[in-house]
Amino acid sequence: MQSKPDTIAAISTAAGQGGVGVIRISGAGASSLAVALLGELPTPRHARYCEFPDAQGEVIDQGLAIFFKSPHSYTGEDVLELQGHGGTAVLQLLLQRCLSLGARLAEAGEFTRRAFLNNKIDLAQAEGVADLIEATTAQAARSAMRSLQGEFSRTVQNLVAELINLRMLVEAMLDFPEEEL
């Protein structure tokens, strides 16, 4: 892996209130943060309903915790997702708790940048993530999703392969003009 060794955390749902809010934590310290917050490490890829306590043990919220073990996560690192209620104050309290346990606040787009640096997605797919988030029409969302799924990258790779093959044929014809190719 090529990304930073530190652990990052951020609210992953849109700003404002909602029924569900998600805090994502990624990095080498995600598993120890999970143990410190939840009392144990959740079974990878299994949702666990639990309480999210503050430093004094008072419950901030209740919800689902899902742990993704490296490299089987979006970023390619250990990832913990906390899915609780989507109130602004609740999410801020839970995020502050994660930061107090050793994570730092993620920069905008840092989860996707880590996915790119860890070869989970290529640059076109990373741009597809941003395009999908910003899509305002159904057609824009479909186009961004195709890019995120690697359609654009595969097309470019196929063109590159064809160009390489064509270049080899041209060079062979120049080097061996008397041969029939």
N, C-alpha and C. Protein backbone atom coordinates (compact mmCIF):
# COMPACT_ATOMS: atom_id res chain seq x y z
N MET A 1 0.83 -1.18 0.00
CA MET A 1 0.00 0.00 0.00
C MET A 1 0.87 1.24 0.00
N GLN A 2 0.37 2.27 -0.66
CA GLN A 2 1.14 3.48 -0.81
C GLN A 2 0.59 4.65 -0.02
N SER A 3 -0.56 4.50 0.61
CA SER A 3 -1.18 5.64 1.27
C SER A 3 -0.53 5.93 2.62
N LYS A 4 -0.97 7.02 3.21
CA LYS A 4 -0.44 7.44 4.50
C LYS A 4 -0.79 6.41 5.56
N PRO A 5 0.08 6.24 6.56
CA PRO A 5 -0.19 5.24 7.60
C PRO A 5 -1.19 5.73 8.65
N ASP A 6 -1.54 7.00 8.65
CA ASP A 6 -2.44 7.50 9.68
C ASP A 6 -3.88 7.07 9.41
N THR A 7 -4.72 7.29 10.40
CA THR A 7 -6.12 6.90 10.33
C THR A 7 -6.96 8.15 10.18
N ILE A 8 -7.89 8.12 9.23
CA ILE A 8 -8.73 9.28 8.96
C ILE A 8 -10.18 8.95 9.27
N ALA A 9 -10.95 9.98 9.55
CA ALA A 9 -12.38 9.82 9.82
C ALA A 9 -13.13 11.02 9.27
N ALA A 10 -14.36 10.78 8.84
CA ALA A 10 -15.20 11.87 8.35
C ALA A 10 -16.65 11.42 8.32
N ILE A 11 -17.52 12.40 8.34
CA ILE A 11 -18.94 12.13 8.10
C ILE A 11 -19.07 11.92 6.60
N SER A 12 -19.62 10.78 6.21
CA SER A 12 -19.69 10.42 4.80
C SER A 12 -21.05 10.70 4.17
N THR A 13 -22.01 11.12 4.95
CA THR A 13 -23.32 11.46 4.41
C THR A 13 -23.40 12.96 4.19
N ALA A 14 -24.35 13.36 3.39
CA ALA A 14 -24.50 14.78 3.05
C ALA A 14 -24.78 15.61 4.30
N ALA A 15 -24.36 16.85 4.25
CA ALA A 15 -24.61 17.77 5.36
C ALA A 15 -26.11 17.95 5.56
N GLY A 16 -26.49 18.18 6.81
CA GLY A 16 -27.89 18.37 7.14
C GLY A 16 -28.43 17.17 7.90
N GLN A 17 -29.72 17.18 8.12
CA GLN A 17 -30.34 16.11 8.88
C GLN A 17 -30.88 15.03 7.96
N GLY A 18 -30.90 13.80 8.48
CA GLY A 18 -31.44 12.68 7.74
C GLY A 18 -31.72 11.54 8.68
N GLY A 19 -32.38 10.54 8.19
CA GLY A 19 -32.70 9.39 9.02
C GLY A 19 -31.47 8.60 9.40
N VAL A 20 -30.49 8.54 8.50
CA VAL A 20 -29.26 7.77 8.73
C VAL A 20 -28.07 8.67 8.43
N GLY A 21 -27.06 8.55 9.27
CA GLY A 21 -25.80 9.25 9.05
C GLY A 21 -24.66 8.25 9.15
N VAL A 22 -23.62 8.45 8.34
CA VAL A 22 -22.51 7.51 8.30
C VAL A 22 -21.20 8.22 8.61
N ILE A 23 -20.44 7.62 9.51
CA ILE A 23 -19.07 8.05 9.78
C ILE A 23 -18.17 6.95 9.24
N ARG A 24 -17.18 7.34 8.43
CA ARG A 24 -16.25 6.36 7.88
C ARG A 24 -14.87 6.63 8.48
N ILE A 25 -14.20 5.55 8.87
CA ILE A 25 -12.85 5.60 9.43
C ILE A 25 -11.98 4.67 8.59
N SER A 26 -10.82 5.13 8.15
CA SER A 26 -9.95 4.31 7.32
C SER A 26 -8.50 4.49 7.73
N GLY A 27 -7.77 3.38 7.75
CA GLY A 27 -6.35 3.44 8.05
C GLY A 27 -5.94 2.33 8.99
N ALA A 28 -4.65 2.30 9.27
CA ALA A 28 -4.08 1.23 10.09
C ALA A 28 -4.68 1.18 11.49
N GLY A 29 -5.15 2.30 12.01
CA GLY A 29 -5.70 2.33 13.35
C GLY A 29 -7.20 2.10 13.44
N ALA A 30 -7.85 1.78 12.33
CA ALA A 30 -9.31 1.61 12.35
C ALA A 30 -9.73 0.45 13.24
N SER A 31 -8.97 -0.64 13.25
CA SER A 31 -9.35 -1.79 14.08
C SER A 31 -9.20 -1.47 15.56
N SER A 32 -8.11 -0.80 15.95
CA SER A 32 -7.95 -0.47 17.37
C SER A 32 -8.95 0.60 17.80
N LEU A 33 -9.32 1.49 16.89
CA LEU A 33 -10.35 2.47 17.19
C LEU A 33 -11.68 1.77 17.41
N ALA A 34 -11.97 0.76 16.59
CA ALA A 34 -13.22 0.00 16.74
C ALA A 34 -13.28 -0.66 18.11
N VAL A 35 -12.17 -1.26 18.53
CA VAL A 35 -12.13 -1.94 19.83
C VAL A 35 -12.32 -0.91 20.95
N ALA A 36 -11.65 0.23 20.84
CA ALA A 36 -11.77 1.26 21.88
C ALA A 36 -13.18 1.82 21.96
N LEU A 37 -13.83 1.98 20.82
CA LEU A 37 -15.17 2.56 20.79
C LEU A 37 -16.26 1.54 21.11
N LEU A 38 -16.13 0.33 20.54
CA LEU A 38 -17.21 -0.66 20.61
C LEU A 38 -16.97 -1.77 21.64
N GLY A 39 -15.72 -1.87 22.13
CA GLY A 39 -15.41 -2.93 23.07
C GLY A 39 -14.87 -4.18 22.41
N GLU A 40 -15.06 -4.32 21.13
CA GLU A 40 -14.52 -5.45 20.37
C GLU A 40 -14.54 -5.10 18.89
N LEU A 41 -13.77 -5.87 18.13
CA LEU A 41 -13.72 -5.67 16.69
C LEU A 41 -14.87 -6.45 16.05
N PRO A 42 -15.73 -5.77 15.31
CA PRO A 42 -16.83 -6.50 14.65
C PRO A 42 -16.29 -7.51 13.64
N THR A 43 -17.02 -8.57 13.43
CA THR A 43 -16.67 -9.55 12.40
C THR A 43 -16.65 -8.84 11.06
N PRO A 44 -15.56 -9.01 10.29
CA PRO A 44 -15.48 -8.31 9.01
C PRO A 44 -16.69 -8.59 8.12
N ARG A 45 -17.19 -7.52 7.51
CA ARG A 45 -18.28 -7.54 6.53
C ARG A 45 -19.62 -8.00 7.10
N HIS A 46 -19.77 -7.94 8.42
CA HIS A 46 -21.04 -8.25 9.06
C HIS A 46 -21.50 -7.04 9.86
N ALA A 47 -22.73 -6.62 9.64
CA ALA A 47 -23.27 -5.49 10.38
C ALA A 47 -23.54 -5.92 11.81
N ARG A 48 -23.14 -5.07 12.74
CA ARG A 48 -23.36 -5.34 14.16
C ARG A 48 -24.10 -4.15 14.77
N TYR A 49 -25.25 -4.41 15.37
CA TYR A 49 -26.00 -3.35 16.05
C TYR A 49 -25.37 -3.13 17.41
N CYS A 50 -25.03 -1.89 17.71
CA CYS A 50 -24.37 -1.62 18.99
C CYS A 50 -24.55 -0.16 19.40
N GLU A 51 -24.06 0.13 20.59
CA GLU A 51 -24.07 1.49 21.10
C GLU A 51 -22.74 2.14 20.78
N PHE A 52 -22.77 3.46 20.56
CA PHE A 52 -21.57 4.24 20.33
C PHE A 52 -21.41 5.18 21.53
N PRO A 53 -20.55 4.80 22.50
CA PRO A 53 -20.43 5.61 23.72
C PRO A 53 -19.37 6.72 23.60
N ASP A 54 -19.52 7.73 24.46
CA ASP A 54 -18.49 8.76 24.57
C ASP A 54 -17.40 8.29 25.53
N ALA A 55 -16.46 9.15 25.85
CA ALA A 55 -15.32 8.76 26.70
C ALA A 55 -15.75 8.38 28.11
N GLN A 56 -16.88 8.90 28.58
CA GLN A 56 -17.37 8.57 29.92
C GLN A 56 -18.32 7.38 29.93
N GLY A 57 -18.56 6.80 28.76
CA GLY A 57 -19.43 5.64 28.67
C GLY A 57 -20.89 5.99 28.41
N GLU A 58 -21.20 7.27 28.32
CA GLU A 58 -22.56 7.67 28.02
C GLU A 58 -22.82 7.46 26.52
N VAL A 59 -23.97 6.91 26.19
CA VAL A 59 -24.28 6.56 24.81
C VAL A 59 -24.54 7.82 23.98
N ILE A 60 -23.75 7.98 22.91
CA ILE A 60 -23.96 9.07 21.95
C ILE A 60 -25.08 8.70 21.00
N ASP A 61 -25.06 7.45 20.54
CA ASP A 61 -26.02 6.98 19.56
C ASP A 61 -25.99 5.46 19.53
N GLN A 62 -26.94 4.88 18.85
CA GLN A 62 -26.98 3.45 18.59
C GLN A 62 -27.09 3.26 17.09
N GLY A 63 -26.50 2.19 16.58
CA GLY A 63 -26.58 1.95 15.15
C GLY A 63 -25.80 0.74 14.74
N LEU A 64 -25.41 0.71 13.49
CA LEU A 64 -24.67 -0.41 12.93
C LEU A 64 -23.20 -0.06 12.79
N ALA A 65 -22.36 -1.03 13.10
CA ALA A 65 -20.92 -0.93 12.87
C ALA A 65 -20.55 -2.03 11.90
N ILE A 66 -19.82 -1.66 10.85
CA ILE A 66 -19.37 -2.62 9.86
C ILE A 66 -17.88 -2.43 9.67
N PHE A 67 -17.13 -3.51 9.83
CA PHE A 67 -15.67 -3.46 9.68
C PHE A 67 -15.27 -4.17 8.38
N PHE A 68 -14.39 -3.53 7.62
CA PHE A 68 -13.87 -4.10 6.38
C PHE A 68 -12.36 -4.24 6.54
N LYS A 69 -11.88 -5.47 6.52
CA LYS A 69 -10.46 -5.76 6.71
C LYS A 69 -9.69 -5.49 5.42
N SER A 70 -8.55 -4.85 5.56
CA SER A 70 -7.66 -4.62 4.43
C SER A 70 -7.27 -5.95 3.80
N PRO A 71 -7.20 -6.07 2.53
CA PRO A 71 -7.40 -5.07 1.47
C PRO A 71 -8.81 -5.06 0.91
N HIS A 72 -9.75 -5.70 1.60
CA HIS A 72 -11.11 -5.86 1.08
C HIS A 72 -12.02 -4.71 1.52
N SER A 73 -11.62 -3.51 1.16
CA SER A 73 -12.41 -2.33 1.49
C SER A 73 -12.28 -1.34 0.35
N TYR A 74 -13.05 -0.29 0.40
CA TYR A 74 -13.02 0.74 -0.63
C TYR A 74 -11.63 1.36 -0.76
N THR A 75 -11.00 1.66 0.36
CA THR A 75 -9.69 2.32 0.33
C THR A 75 -8.53 1.34 0.22
N GLY A 76 -8.79 0.05 0.45
CA GLY A 76 -7.71 -0.93 0.49
C GLY A 76 -7.08 -1.02 1.86
N GLU A 77 -7.56 -0.23 2.80
CA GLU A 77 -7.07 -0.23 4.18
C GLU A 77 -8.17 -0.80 5.07
N ASP A 78 -7.86 -0.99 6.36
CA ASP A 78 -8.92 -1.33 7.31
C ASP A 78 -9.91 -0.16 7.34
N VAL A 79 -11.19 -0.47 7.27
CA VAL A 79 -12.23 0.56 7.27
C VAL A 79 -13.31 0.17 8.28
N LEU A 80 -13.74 1.15 9.07
CA LEU A 80 -14.87 0.98 9.97
C LEU A 80 -15.93 1.99 9.58
N GLU A 81 -17.15 1.51 9.38
CA GLU A 81 -18.27 2.42 9.11
C GLU A 81 -19.24 2.35 10.26
N LEU A 82 -19.60 3.51 10.75
CA LEU A 82 -20.59 3.63 11.82
C LEU A 82 -21.83 4.27 11.23
N GLN A 83 -22.93 3.54 11.26
CA GLN A 83 -24.18 4.03 10.69
C GLN A 83 -25.16 4.26 11.82
N GLY A 84 -25.41 5.52 12.09
CA GLY A 84 -26.31 5.89 13.17
C GLY A 84 -27.38 6.83 12.67
N HIS A 85 -27.98 7.55 13.59
CA HIS A 85 -29.00 8.52 13.22
C HIS A 85 -28.34 9.72 12.56
N GLY A 86 -29.07 10.36 11.66
CA GLY A 86 -28.48 11.40 10.84
C GLY A 86 -28.58 12.81 11.36
N GLY A 87 -28.76 12.98 12.64
CA GLY A 87 -28.81 14.33 13.20
C GLY A 87 -27.43 14.97 13.21
N THR A 88 -27.38 16.25 12.92
CA THR A 88 -26.11 16.97 12.84
C THR A 88 -25.32 16.88 14.14
N ALA A 89 -25.96 17.12 15.27
CA ALA A 89 -25.26 17.11 16.56
C ALA A 89 -24.75 15.71 16.89
N VAL A 90 -25.55 14.69 16.63
CA VAL A 90 -25.15 13.31 16.91
C VAL A 90 -23.93 12.93 16.08
N LEU A 91 -23.96 13.25 14.80
CA LEU A 91 -22.83 12.91 13.94
C LEU A 91 -21.57 13.66 14.35
N GLN A 92 -21.71 14.91 14.73
CA GLN A 92 -20.54 15.68 15.17
C GLN A 92 -19.96 15.10 16.47
N LEU A 93 -20.83 14.72 17.40
CA LEU A 93 -20.35 14.10 18.65
C LEU A 93 -19.62 12.79 18.36
N LEU A 94 -20.18 11.98 17.48
CA LEU A 94 -19.56 10.70 17.15
C LEU A 94 -18.24 10.90 16.40
N LEU A 95 -18.20 11.86 15.51
CA LEU A 95 -16.96 12.16 14.81
C LEU A 95 -15.89 12.65 15.79
N GLN A 96 -16.26 13.52 16.70
CA GLN A 96 -15.30 14.02 17.70
C GLN A 96 -14.78 12.88 18.57
N ARG A 97 -15.64 11.92 18.86
CA ARG A 97 -15.21 10.75 19.63
C ARG A 97 -14.16 9.96 18.85
N CYS A 98 -14.38 9.77 17.56
CA CYS A 98 -13.41 9.06 16.72
C CYS A 98 -12.09 9.82 16.66
N LEU A 99 -12.16 11.13 16.57
CA LEU A 99 -10.94 11.93 16.53
C LEU A 99 -10.20 11.84 17.85
N SER A 100 -10.94 11.78 18.96
CA SER A 100 -10.29 11.67 20.27
C SER A 100 -9.62 10.31 20.46
N LEU A 101 -10.04 9.32 19.66
CA LEU A 101 -9.45 7.98 19.74
C LEU A 101 -8.28 7.79 18.78
N GLY A 102 -7.84 8.88 18.16
CA GLY A 102 -6.63 8.81 17.36
C GLY A 102 -6.76 9.05 15.88
N ALA A 103 -7.96 9.15 15.37
CA ALA A 103 -8.12 9.45 13.95
C ALA A 103 -7.94 10.95 13.75
N ARG A 104 -7.66 11.33 12.54
CA ARG A 104 -7.65 12.75 12.20
C ARG A 104 -8.76 12.98 11.17
N LEU A 105 -9.21 14.22 11.07
CA LEU A 105 -10.27 14.56 10.14
C LEU A 105 -9.77 14.40 8.71
N ALA A 106 -10.50 13.66 7.92
CA ALA A 106 -10.13 13.43 6.52
C ALA A 106 -10.31 14.70 5.71
N GLU A 107 -9.44 14.86 4.73
CA GLU A 107 -9.58 15.95 3.78
C GLU A 107 -10.66 15.57 2.77
N ALA A 108 -11.21 16.54 2.09
CA ALA A 108 -12.22 16.27 1.06
C ALA A 108 -11.63 15.34 0.00
N GLY A 109 -12.32 14.26 -0.30
CA GLY A 109 -11.87 13.32 -1.32
C GLY A 109 -10.76 12.38 -0.89
N GLU A 110 -10.37 12.40 0.37
CA GLU A 110 -9.22 11.60 0.80
C GLU A 110 -9.49 10.10 0.79
N PHE A 111 -10.71 9.68 1.04
CA PHE A 111 -11.00 8.24 0.98
C PHE A 111 -10.80 7.73 -0.45
N THR A 112 -11.29 8.49 -1.41
CA THR A 112 -11.13 8.11 -2.82
C THR A 112 -9.67 8.20 -3.23
N ARG A 113 -8.96 9.21 -2.75
CA ARG A 113 -7.52 9.32 -3.06
C ARG A 113 -6.78 8.09 -2.55
N ARG A 114 -7.10 7.63 -1.34
CA ARG A 114 -6.46 6.44 -0.79
C ARG A 114 -6.81 5.20 -1.62
N ALA A 115 -8.05 5.12 -2.09
CA ALA A 115 -8.45 4.00 -2.95
C ALA A 115 -7.60 4.01 -4.23
N PHE A 116 -7.37 5.20 -4.78
CA PHE A 116 -6.53 5.32 -5.97
C PHE A 116 -5.08 4.95 -5.65
N LEU A 117 -4.53 5.48 -4.58
CA LEU A 117 -3.14 5.20 -4.22
C LEU A 117 -2.90 3.73 -3.90
N ASN A 118 -3.93 3.05 -3.43
CA ASN A 118 -3.82 1.63 -3.11
C ASN A 118 -4.28 0.73 -4.26
N ASN A 119 -4.38 1.32 -5.45
CA ASN A 119 -4.73 0.58 -6.67
C ASN A 119 -6.08 -0.13 -6.59
N LYS A 120 -7.01 0.43 -5.86
CA LYS A 120 -8.36 -0.12 -5.82
C LYS A 120 -9.19 0.42 -6.99
N ILE A 121 -8.85 1.64 -7.42
CA ILE A 121 -9.50 2.27 -8.58
C ILE A 121 -8.42 3.01 -9.35
N ASP A 122 -8.70 3.28 -10.63
CA ASP A 122 -7.75 4.08 -11.41
C ASP A 122 -8.22 5.54 -11.41
N LEU A 123 -7.47 6.40 -12.08
CA LEU A 123 -7.77 7.83 -12.04
C LEU A 123 -9.13 8.14 -12.67
N ALA A 124 -9.46 7.48 -13.76
CA ALA A 124 -10.76 7.72 -14.39
C ALA A 124 -11.90 7.30 -13.46
N GLN A 125 -11.71 6.21 -12.73
CA GLN A 125 -12.74 5.78 -11.78
C GLN A 125 -12.84 6.76 -10.62
N ALA A 126 -11.72 7.28 -10.16
CA ALA A 126 -11.74 8.28 -9.08
C ALA A 126 -12.51 9.53 -9.54
N GLU A 127 -12.29 9.93 -10.78
CA GLU A 127 -13.04 11.06 -11.31
C GLU A 127 -14.52 10.70 -11.46
N GLY A 128 -14.80 9.43 -11.74
CA GLY A 128 -16.18 8.96 -11.83
C GLY A 128 -16.90 9.08 -10.50
N VAL A 129 -16.18 8.84 -9.40
CA VAL A 129 -16.78 9.00 -8.07
C VAL A 129 -17.24 10.45 -7.88
N ALA A 130 -16.35 11.38 -8.18
CA ALA A 130 -16.70 12.81 -8.04
C ALA A 130 -17.86 13.16 -8.96
N ASP A 131 -17.82 12.65 -10.20
CA ASP A 131 -18.91 12.95 -11.14
C ASP A 131 -20.23 12.37 -10.67
N LEU A 132 -20.20 11.18 -10.09
CA LEU A 132 -21.42 10.55 -9.60
C LEU A 132 -22.01 11.34 -8.44
N ILE A 133 -21.16 11.80 -7.54
CA ILE A 133 -21.62 12.59 -6.40
C ILE A 133 -22.25 13.90 -6.87
N GLU A 134 -21.66 14.50 -7.91
CA GLU A 134 -22.13 15.81 -8.39
C GLU A 134 -23.20 15.72 -9.46
N ALA A 135 -23.56 14.52 -9.90
CA ALA A 135 -24.54 14.36 -10.98
C ALA A 135 -25.89 14.95 -10.59
N THR A 136 -26.46 15.72 -11.51
CA THR A 136 -27.77 16.33 -11.24
C THR A 136 -28.86 15.81 -12.17
N THR A 137 -28.46 14.98 -13.14
CA THR A 137 -29.44 14.38 -14.03
C THR A 137 -29.23 12.87 -14.06
N ALA A 138 -30.26 12.16 -14.48
CA ALA A 138 -30.16 10.70 -14.57
C ALA A 138 -29.08 10.29 -15.58
N GLN A 139 -29.00 11.00 -16.70
CA GLN A 139 -28.00 10.67 -17.72
C GLN A 139 -26.58 10.90 -17.19
N ALA A 140 -26.37 11.98 -16.46
CA ALA A 140 -25.05 12.26 -15.88
C ALA A 140 -24.69 11.19 -14.86
N ALA A 141 -25.66 10.75 -14.07
CA ALA A 141 -25.41 9.70 -13.07
C ALA A 141 -25.06 8.39 -13.76
N ARG A 142 -25.78 8.03 -14.83
CA ARG A 142 -25.49 6.79 -15.56
C ARG A 142 -24.09 6.84 -16.19
N SER A 143 -23.76 7.96 -16.76
CA SER A 143 -22.45 8.13 -17.39
C SER A 143 -21.33 8.03 -16.35
N ALA A 144 -21.51 8.68 -15.21
CA ALA A 144 -20.52 8.62 -14.14
C ALA A 144 -20.38 7.20 -13.61
N MET A 145 -21.48 6.48 -13.51
CA MET A 145 -21.43 5.12 -13.01
C MET A 145 -20.68 4.21 -13.98
N ARG A 146 -20.88 4.40 -15.26
CA ARG A 146 -20.13 3.61 -16.25
C ARG A 146 -18.63 3.88 -16.11
N SER A 147 -18.28 5.13 -15.88
CA SER A 147 -16.86 5.47 -15.69
C SER A 147 -16.33 4.84 -14.40
N LEU A 148 -17.13 4.91 -13.34
CA LEU A 148 -16.72 4.31 -12.06
C LEU A 148 -16.55 2.80 -12.19
N GLN A 149 -17.36 2.16 -13.00
CA GLN A 149 -17.25 0.71 -13.19
C GLN A 149 -16.10 0.33 -14.12
N GLY A 150 -15.39 1.31 -14.67
CA GLY A 150 -14.21 1.03 -15.46
C GLY A 150 -14.42 0.98 -16.95
N GLU A 151 -15.61 1.33 -17.44
CA GLU A 151 -15.89 1.26 -18.87
C GLU A 151 -14.94 2.17 -19.66
N PHE A 152 -14.77 3.40 -19.23
CA PHE A 152 -13.88 4.33 -19.92
C PHE A 152 -12.44 3.82 -19.89
N SER A 153 -12.00 3.33 -18.74
CA SER A 153 -10.62 2.82 -18.61
C SER A 153 -10.39 1.63 -19.53
N ARG A 154 -11.37 0.73 -19.62
CA ARG A 154 -11.22 -0.43 -20.51
C ARG A 154 -11.15 0.01 -21.97
N THR A 155 -11.95 0.99 -22.36
CA THR A 155 -11.91 1.50 -23.72
C THR A 155 -10.54 2.08 -24.04
N VAL A 156 -10.01 2.88 -23.13
CA VAL A 156 -8.68 3.46 -23.32
C VAL A 156 -7.62 2.37 -23.39
N GLN A 157 -7.70 1.38 -22.51
CA GLN A 157 -6.72 0.29 -22.52
C GLN A 157 -6.77 -0.50 -23.83
N ASN A 158 -7.96 -0.72 -24.36
CA ASN A 158 -8.10 -1.42 -25.64
C ASN A 158 -7.48 -0.61 -26.77
N LEU A 159 -7.70 0.72 -26.76
CA LEU A 159 -7.10 1.58 -27.78
C LEU A 159 -5.57 1.56 -27.68
N VAL A 160 -5.05 1.60 -26.48
CA VAL A 160 -3.60 1.54 -26.28
C VAL A 160 -3.05 0.22 -26.82
N ALA A 161 -3.72 -0.88 -26.53
CA ALA A 161 -3.27 -2.19 -27.02
C ALA A 161 -3.28 -2.23 -28.54
N GLU A 162 -4.32 -1.66 -29.17
CA GLU A 162 -4.37 -1.62 -30.63
C GLU A 162 -3.25 -0.76 -31.20
N LEU A 163 -2.97 0.37 -30.56
CA LEU A 163 -1.88 1.24 -31.02
C LEU A 163 -0.53 0.55 -30.89
N ILE A 164 -0.32 -0.16 -29.82
CA ILE A 164 0.94 -0.89 -29.63
C ILE A 164 1.10 -1.96 -30.72
N ASN A 165 0.02 -2.66 -31.00
CA ASN A 165 0.05 -3.68 -32.04
C ASN A 165 0.35 -3.05 -33.41
N LEU A 166 -0.30 -1.94 -33.70
CA LEU A 166 -0.06 -1.24 -34.96
C LEU A 166 1.39 -0.76 -35.05
N ARG A 167 1.90 -0.23 -33.96
CA ARG A 167 3.29 0.24 -33.93
C ARG A 167 4.25 -0.93 -34.19
N MET A 168 3.97 -2.09 -33.58
CA MET A 168 4.83 -3.27 -33.80
C MET A 168 4.82 -3.68 -35.28
N LEU A 169 3.65 -3.65 -35.91
CA LEU A 169 3.56 -4.01 -37.32
C LEU A 169 4.32 -3.02 -38.20
N VAL A 170 4.18 -1.72 -37.92
CA VAL A 170 4.89 -0.70 -38.69
C VAL A 170 6.39 -0.87 -38.52
N GLU A 171 6.86 -1.06 -37.30
CA GLU A 171 8.29 -1.26 -37.06
C GLU A 171 8.80 -2.52 -37.74
N ALA A 172 8.03 -3.57 -37.71
CA ALA A 172 8.44 -4.81 -38.36
C ALA A 172 8.53 -4.62 -39.88
N MET A 173 7.57 -3.88 -40.43
CA MET A 173 7.60 -3.62 -41.88
C MET A 173 8.81 -2.77 -42.26
N LEU A 174 9.17 -1.82 -41.41
CA LEU A 174 10.34 -0.98 -41.66
C LEU A 174 11.63 -1.76 -41.50
N ASP A 175 11.69 -2.64 -40.50
CA ASP A 175 12.89 -3.40 -40.23
C ASP A 175 13.07 -4.56 -41.20
N PHE A 176 11.97 -5.13 -41.67
CA PHE A 176 12.03 -6.29 -42.56
C PHE A 176 11.13 -6.06 -43.77
N PRO A 177 11.51 -5.14 -44.65
CA PRO A 177 10.63 -4.81 -45.78
C PRO A 177 10.45 -5.96 -46.76
N GLU A 178 11.41 -6.87 -46.82
CA GLU A 178 11.32 -7.98 -47.76
C GLU A 178 10.43 -9.11 -47.25
N GLU A 179 10.12 -9.11 -45.96
CA GLU A 179 9.28 -10.17 -45.39
C GLU A 179 7.80 -9.83 -45.60
N GLU A 180 7.00 -10.88 -45.76
CA GLU A 180 5.57 -10.67 -45.87
C GLU A 180 4.97 -10.79 -44.47
N LEU A 181 4.35 -9.75 -44.01
CA LEU A 181 3.79 -9.73 -42.65
C LEU A 181 2.28 -9.78 -42.68
